[in-house]
C-alpha atoms as a PDB file:
ATOM      1  CA  MET A   1      14.633  -4.623   2.718  1.00  0.00           C
ATOM      2  CA  ARG A   2      13.398  -4.904  -0.945  1.00  0.00           C
ATOM      3  CA  THR A   3      14.408  -2.241  -3.313  1.00  0.00           C
ATOM      4  CA  SER A   4      10.633  -0.726  -3.392  1.00  0.00           C
ATOM      5  CA  ASP A   5      10.732  -0.735   0.198  1.00  0.00           C
ATOM      6  CA  ASP A   6      13.749   1.557   0.375  1.00  0.00           C
ATOM      7  CA  ALA A   7      11.769   3.356  -2.032  1.00  0.00           C
ATOM      8  CA  ILE A   8       9.001   3.850   0.012  1.00  0.00           C
ATOM      9  CA  ALA A   9      11.214   4.341   3.499  1.00  0.00           C
ATOM     10  CA  ARG A  10      12.779   7.540   1.470  1.00  0.00           C
ATOM     11  CA  ARG A  11       9.810   9.302   0.491  1.00  0.00           C
ATOM     12  CA  SER A  12       7.853   8.465   4.457  1.00  0.00           C
ATOM     13  CA  ASP A  13      11.251  10.177   6.137  1.00  0.00           C
ATOM     14  CA  ARG A  14      10.759  12.949   2.865  1.00  0.00           C
ATOM     15  CA  HIS A  15       7.017  13.175   3.456  1.00  0.00           C
ATOM     16  CA  ALA A  16       7.321  13.719   7.058  1.00  0.00           C
ATOM     17  CA  ARG A  17       9.900  16.563   6.469  1.00  0.00           C
ATOM     18  CA  ARG A  18       7.248  18.260   4.785  1.00  0.00           C
ATOM     19  CA  ASP A  19       8.079  17.527   1.108  1.00  0.00           C
ATOM     20  CA  ARG A  20       4.724  17.209  -1.154  1.00  0.00           C
ATOM     21  CA  ALA A  21       6.432  15.983  -4.189  1.00  0.00           C
ATOM     22  CA  ALA A  22       7.550  12.924  -1.747  1.00  0.00           C
ATOM     23  CA  LEU A  23       3.883  11.992  -0.742  1.00  0.00           C
ATOM     24  CA  SER A  24       2.883  12.095  -4.499  1.00  0.00           C
ATOM     25  CA  ALA A  25       5.521   9.893  -5.278  1.00  0.00           C
ATOM     26  CA  LEU A  26       5.013   7.774  -1.923  1.00  0.00           C
ATOM     27  CA  VAL A  27       0.733   7.130  -2.469  1.00  0.00           C
ATOM     28  CA  PRO A  28       1.584   4.884  -5.610  1.00  0.00           C
ATOM     29  CA  LEU A  29       4.233   2.831  -4.058  1.00  0.00           C
ATOM     30  CA  VAL A  30       2.495   1.749  -1.001  1.00  0.00           C
ATOM     31  CA  TYR A  31      -0.990   1.191  -3.067  1.00  0.00           C
ATOM     32  CA  ASP A  32       0.968  -1.045  -5.351  1.00  0.00           C
ATOM     33  CA  GLU A  33       2.563  -3.193  -2.126  1.00  0.00           C
ATOM     34  CA  LEU A  34      -0.928  -3.469  -0.633  1.00  0.00           C
ATOM     35  CA  ARG A  35      -2.091  -4.741  -3.852  1.00  0.00           C
ATOM     36  CA  LYS A  36       0.650  -7.367  -3.955  1.00  0.00           C
ATOM     37  CA  LEU A  37      -0.158  -7.952   0.021  1.00  0.00           C
ATOM     38  CA  ALA A  38      -3.487  -8.021  -0.573  1.00  0.00           C
ATOM     39  CA  ASP A  39      -3.661  -9.860  -3.695  1.00  0.00           C
ATOM     40  CA  ASP A  40      -1.105 -13.065  -1.591  1.00  0.00           C
ATOM     41  CA  LYS A  41      -3.427 -12.715   1.301  1.00  0.00           C
ATOM     42  CA  LEU A  42      -6.686 -13.506  -0.580  1.00  0.00           C
ATOM     43  CA  ARG A  43      -4.985 -16.053  -2.959  1.00  0.00           C
ATOM     44  CA  ARG A  44      -4.442 -18.122   0.358  1.00  0.00           C
ATOM     45  CA  GLU A  45      -8.512 -17.471   1.555  1.00  0.00           C
ATOM     46  CA  PRO A  46     -10.828 -20.219   0.302  1.00  0.00           C
ATOM     47  CA  THR A  47     -12.234 -19.501  -3.274  1.00  0.00           C
ATOM     48  CA  ASN A  48     -16.157 -18.579  -2.220  1.00  0.00           C
ATOM     49  CA  HIS A  49     -14.794 -15.053  -0.497  1.00  0.00           C
ATOM     50  CA  THR A  50     -16.363 -11.938  -2.500  1.00  0.00           C
ATOM     51  CA  LEU A  51     -13.294  -9.031  -1.496  1.00  0.00           C
ATOM     52  CA  PRO A  52     -11.281  -8.636  -4.545  1.00  0.00           C
ATOM     53  CA  PRO A  53      -7.801  -7.259  -3.654  1.00  0.00           C
ATOM     54  CA  THR A  54      -8.471  -3.951  -4.806  1.00  0.00           C
ATOM     55  CA  ALA A  55     -11.485  -3.625  -2.264  1.00  0.00           C
ATOM     56  CA  LEU A  56      -9.589  -5.002   0.864  1.00  0.00           C
ATOM     57  CA  VAL A  57      -6.970  -2.094  -0.251  1.00  0.00           C
ATOM     58  CA  HIS A  58      -9.237   0.866  -0.315  1.00  0.00           C
ATOM     59  CA  GLU A  59     -10.639  -0.686   3.330  1.00  0.00           C
ATOM     60  CA  ALA A  60      -6.757  -0.733   4.499  1.00  0.00           C
ATOM     61  CA  TYR A  61      -6.754   2.590   2.746  1.00  0.00           C
ATOM     62  CA  ILE A  62      -9.671   4.172   4.739  1.00  0.00           C
ATOM     63  CA  LEU A  63      -8.311   2.209   8.223  1.00  0.00           C
ATOM     64  CA  LEU A  64      -4.499   4.163   7.426  1.00  0.00           C
ATOM     65  CA  VAL A  65      -6.098   7.870   7.030  1.00  0.00           C
ATOM     66  CA  GLY A  66      -9.079   7.811   9.064  1.00  0.00           C
END
């Protein structure tokens, strides 16, 4: 597990125990990780796509929080 994965897992566990500060710390970590994943994914796609990595992250966020 990478360091960022460890940090995300710890904060997620704390959030599950109703720790509001953990959620505040968790959101930027998850956002950064999703942004990296989106950038990697879109870099392997054809160059004629119109969806930037940030938009892909926002779409994922909407799906996650419903």
